[in-house]
C-alpha atoms as a PDB file:
ATOM      1  CA  MET A   1      68.314  49.473  15.454  1.00  0.00           C
ATOM      2  CA  ARG A   2      67.617  46.276  14.509  1.00  0.00           C
ATOM      3  CA  TYR A   3      68.934  45.984  11.043  1.00  0.00           C
ATOM      4  CA  ARG A   4      72.489  46.890   9.467  1.00  0.00           C
ATOM      5  CA  PHE A   5      72.666  48.094   6.165  1.00  0.00           C
ATOM      6  CA  GLU A   6      75.943  47.333   3.832  1.00  0.00           C
ATOM      7  CA  ARG A   7      76.348  50.121   0.847  1.00  0.00           C
ATOM      8  CA  GLU A   8      76.746  47.915  -2.162  1.00  0.00           C
ATOM      9  CA  ILE A   9      76.859  51.081  -4.927  1.00  0.00           C
ATOM     10  CA  ARG A  10      76.072  54.730  -4.781  1.00  0.00           C
ATOM     11  CA  THR A  11      75.352  57.047  -7.605  1.00  0.00           C
ATOM     12  CA  PRO A  12      74.580  60.989  -8.053  1.00  0.00           C
ATOM     13  CA  PHE A  13      70.529  59.878  -7.428  1.00  0.00           C
ATOM     14  CA  SER A  14      70.693  56.371  -6.073  1.00  0.00           C
ATOM     15  CA  GLU A  15      72.060  53.870  -3.511  1.00  0.00           C
ATOM     16  CA  ALA A  16      71.804  49.931  -3.100  1.00  0.00           C
ATOM     17  CA  TYR A  17      72.016  48.146   0.071  1.00  0.00           C
ATOM     18  CA  THR A  18      72.227  44.857   1.451  1.00  0.00           C
ATOM     19  CA  ILE A  19      70.414  44.346   4.649  1.00  0.00           C
ATOM     20  CA  PHE A  20      71.488  41.783   7.666  1.00  0.00           C
ATOM     21  CA  MET A  21      69.985  41.006  10.840  1.00  0.00           C
ATOM     22  CA  GLY A  22      73.075  40.210  13.110  1.00  0.00           C
ATOM     23  CA  ASP A  23      75.095  37.858  10.544  1.00  0.00           C
ATOM     24  CA  ARG A  24      72.015  36.692   8.366  1.00  0.00           C
ATOM     25  CA  ARG A  25      71.380  38.436   5.099  1.00  0.00           C
ATOM     26  CA  ILE A  26      67.802  39.085   4.865  1.00  0.00           C
ATOM     27  CA  GLY A  27      67.232  41.422   1.803  1.00  0.00           C
ATOM     28  CA  ARG A  28      68.235  44.299  -0.248  1.00  0.00           C
ATOM     29  CA  VAL A  29      66.929  47.742  -0.937  1.00  0.00           C
ATOM     30  CA  ASP A  30      67.590  50.104  -3.824  1.00  0.00           C
ATOM     31  CA  LEU A  31      66.902  53.838  -3.573  1.00  0.00           C
ATOM     32  CA  HIS A  32      66.407  56.185  -6.370  1.00  0.00           C
ATOM     33  CA  PHE A  33      65.904  60.224  -5.585  1.00  0.00           C
ATOM     34  CA  SER A  34      63.899  62.646  -7.386  1.00  0.00           C
ATOM     35  CA  ALA A  35      63.242  66.074  -6.871  1.00  0.00           C
ATOM     36  CA  ASP A  36      60.975  66.041  -4.135  1.00  0.00           C
ATOM     37  CA  SER A  37      60.302  62.216  -3.734  1.00  0.00           C
ATOM     38  CA  VAL A  38      62.550  58.818  -2.682  1.00  0.00           C
ATOM     39  CA  TYR A  39      61.254  55.713  -4.488  1.00  0.00           C
ATOM     40  CA  GLY A  40      62.460  52.105  -3.398  1.00  0.00           C
ATOM     41  CA  ASN A  41      62.691  48.647  -4.181  1.00  0.00           C
ATOM     42  CA  LEU A  42      62.890  46.404  -1.014  1.00  0.00           C
ATOM     43  CA  TRP A  43      63.575  42.198  -1.490  1.00  0.00           C
ATOM     44  CA  VAL A  44      63.258  40.112   2.180  1.00  0.00           C
ATOM     45  CA  ILE A  45      63.219  36.395   2.674  1.00  0.00           C
ATOM     46  CA  GLU A  46      59.829  34.826   2.696  1.00  0.00           C
ATOM     47  CA  ASP A  47      59.452  33.989   6.578  1.00  0.00           C
ATOM     48  CA  MET A  48      59.314  38.308   7.378  1.00  0.00           C
ATOM     49  CA  THR A  49      56.012  39.241   8.778  1.00  0.00           C
ATOM     50  CA  ILE A  50      54.358  42.284   7.515  1.00  0.00           C
ATOM     51  CA  GLU A  51      55.307  44.012  11.226  1.00  0.00           C
ATOM     52  CA  GLU A  52      58.952  43.177  10.415  1.00  0.00           C
ATOM     53  CA  ILE A  53      58.577  44.721   7.006  1.00  0.00           C
ATOM     54  CA  LYS A  54      56.914  47.837   8.531  1.00  0.00           C
ATOM     55  CA  GLU A  55      59.656  48.183  11.060  1.00  0.00           C
ATOM     56  CA  LEU A  56      62.216  47.534   8.413  1.00  0.00           C
ATOM     57  CA  ARG A  57      60.559  50.277   6.313  1.00  0.00           C
ATOM     58  CA  GLU A  58      60.822  52.815   9.250  1.00  0.00           C
ATOM     59  CA  GLU A  59      64.665  51.855   9.570  1.00  0.00           C
ATOM     60  CA  ILE A  60      65.259  52.660   6.082  1.00  0.00           C
ATOM     61  CA  ASP A  61      63.373  55.438   6.220  1.00  0.00           C
ATOM     62  CA  GLU A  62      65.096  56.757   9.144  1.00  0.00           C
ATOM     63  CA  GLU A  63      68.846  55.292   8.258  1.00  0.00           C
ATOM     64  CA  LEU A  64      68.988  55.954   4.602  1.00  0.00           C
ATOM     65  CA  VAL A  65      66.551  57.961   3.484  1.00  0.00           C
ATOM     66  CA  MET A  66      66.242  60.921   5.906  1.00  0.00           C
ATOM     67  CA  SER A  67      69.887  61.166   6.072  1.00  0.00           C
ATOM     68  CA  ALA A  68      70.235  61.326   2.537  1.00  0.00           C
ATOM     69  CA  ASP A  69      70.992  65.010   1.718  1.00  0.00           C
ATOM     70  CA  SER A  70      67.627  65.069   0.148  1.00  0.00           C
ATOM     71  CA  MET A  71      64.147  66.648   1.364  1.00  0.00           C
ATOM     72  CA  ARG A  72      60.844  64.714   0.655  1.00  0.00           C
ATOM     73  CA  GLU A  73      57.708  64.632   0.207  1.00  0.00           C
ATOM     74  CA  ASP A  74      57.096  61.156  -0.128  1.00  0.00           C
ATOM     75  CA  PHE A  75      58.871  57.918  -0.003  1.00  0.00           C
ATOM     76  CA  VAL A  76      57.243  55.287  -2.243  1.00  0.00           C
ATOM     77  CA  LEU A  77      58.440  51.858  -1.502  1.00  0.00           C
ATOM     78  CA  HIS A  78      57.698  48.567  -3.569  1.00  0.00           C
ATOM     79  CA  VAL A  79      58.362  45.425  -1.307  1.00  0.00           C
ATOM     80  CA  HIS A  80      59.261  41.953  -2.940  1.00  0.00           C
ATOM     81  CA  GLN A  81      59.149  39.043  -0.784  1.00  0.00           C
ATOM     82  CA  GLY A  82      60.658  35.366  -1.545  1.00  0.00           C
ATOM     83  CA  ARG A  83      63.783  33.885  -1.906  1.00  0.00           C
ATOM     84  CA  GLU A  84      66.634  34.737  -3.623  1.00  0.00           C
ATOM     85  CA  VAL A  85      68.148  32.627  -6.440  1.00  0.00           C
ATOM     86  CA  GLY A  86      71.482  33.994  -7.000  1.00  0.00           C
ATOM     87  CA  VAL A  87      73.608  36.592  -8.960  1.00  0.00           C
ATOM     88  CA  PHE A  88      74.732  36.884 -12.530  1.00  0.00           C
ATOM     89  CA  THR A  89      78.155  38.487 -13.911  1.00  0.00           C
ATOM     90  CA  ASP A  90      79.342  38.853 -16.787  1.00  0.00           C
ATOM     91  CA  THR A  91      82.627  37.088 -15.269  1.00  0.00           C
ATOM     92  CA  GLU A  92      81.067  33.856 -14.311  1.00  0.00           C
ATOM     93  CA  ASP A  93      79.853  31.133 -16.585  1.00  0.00           C
ATOM     94  CA  ASN A  94      77.124  30.290 -14.559  1.00  0.00           C
ATOM     95  CA  LEU A  95      74.673  31.294 -11.769  1.00  0.00           C
ATOM     96  CA  SER A  96      76.983  32.106  -8.617  1.00  0.00           C
ATOM     97  CA  PHE A  97      76.504  33.649  -5.254  1.00  0.00           C
ATOM     98  CA  LEU A  98      78.573  36.832  -4.183  1.00  0.00           C
END
């Protein structure tokens, strides 16, 4: 396994993970489980290639989607590529990195 996934949150029908390659944070994935499909949003850093994104998608499917106890007919993943600006929270007055 090339990537490491750290769960941020889990609800009855969704999960969110920060994605690492070694010690480097390279993205985030949100997964939403419906009755017959899984839908996801993947955000990755700017310098990842299409081949690396495809490899990451396969690992997400194997490690996170197929290991969840849900049968699925399809896995739809929207991919966004860019840089993280930061995180806003109610407890902080300004933009911060958590």
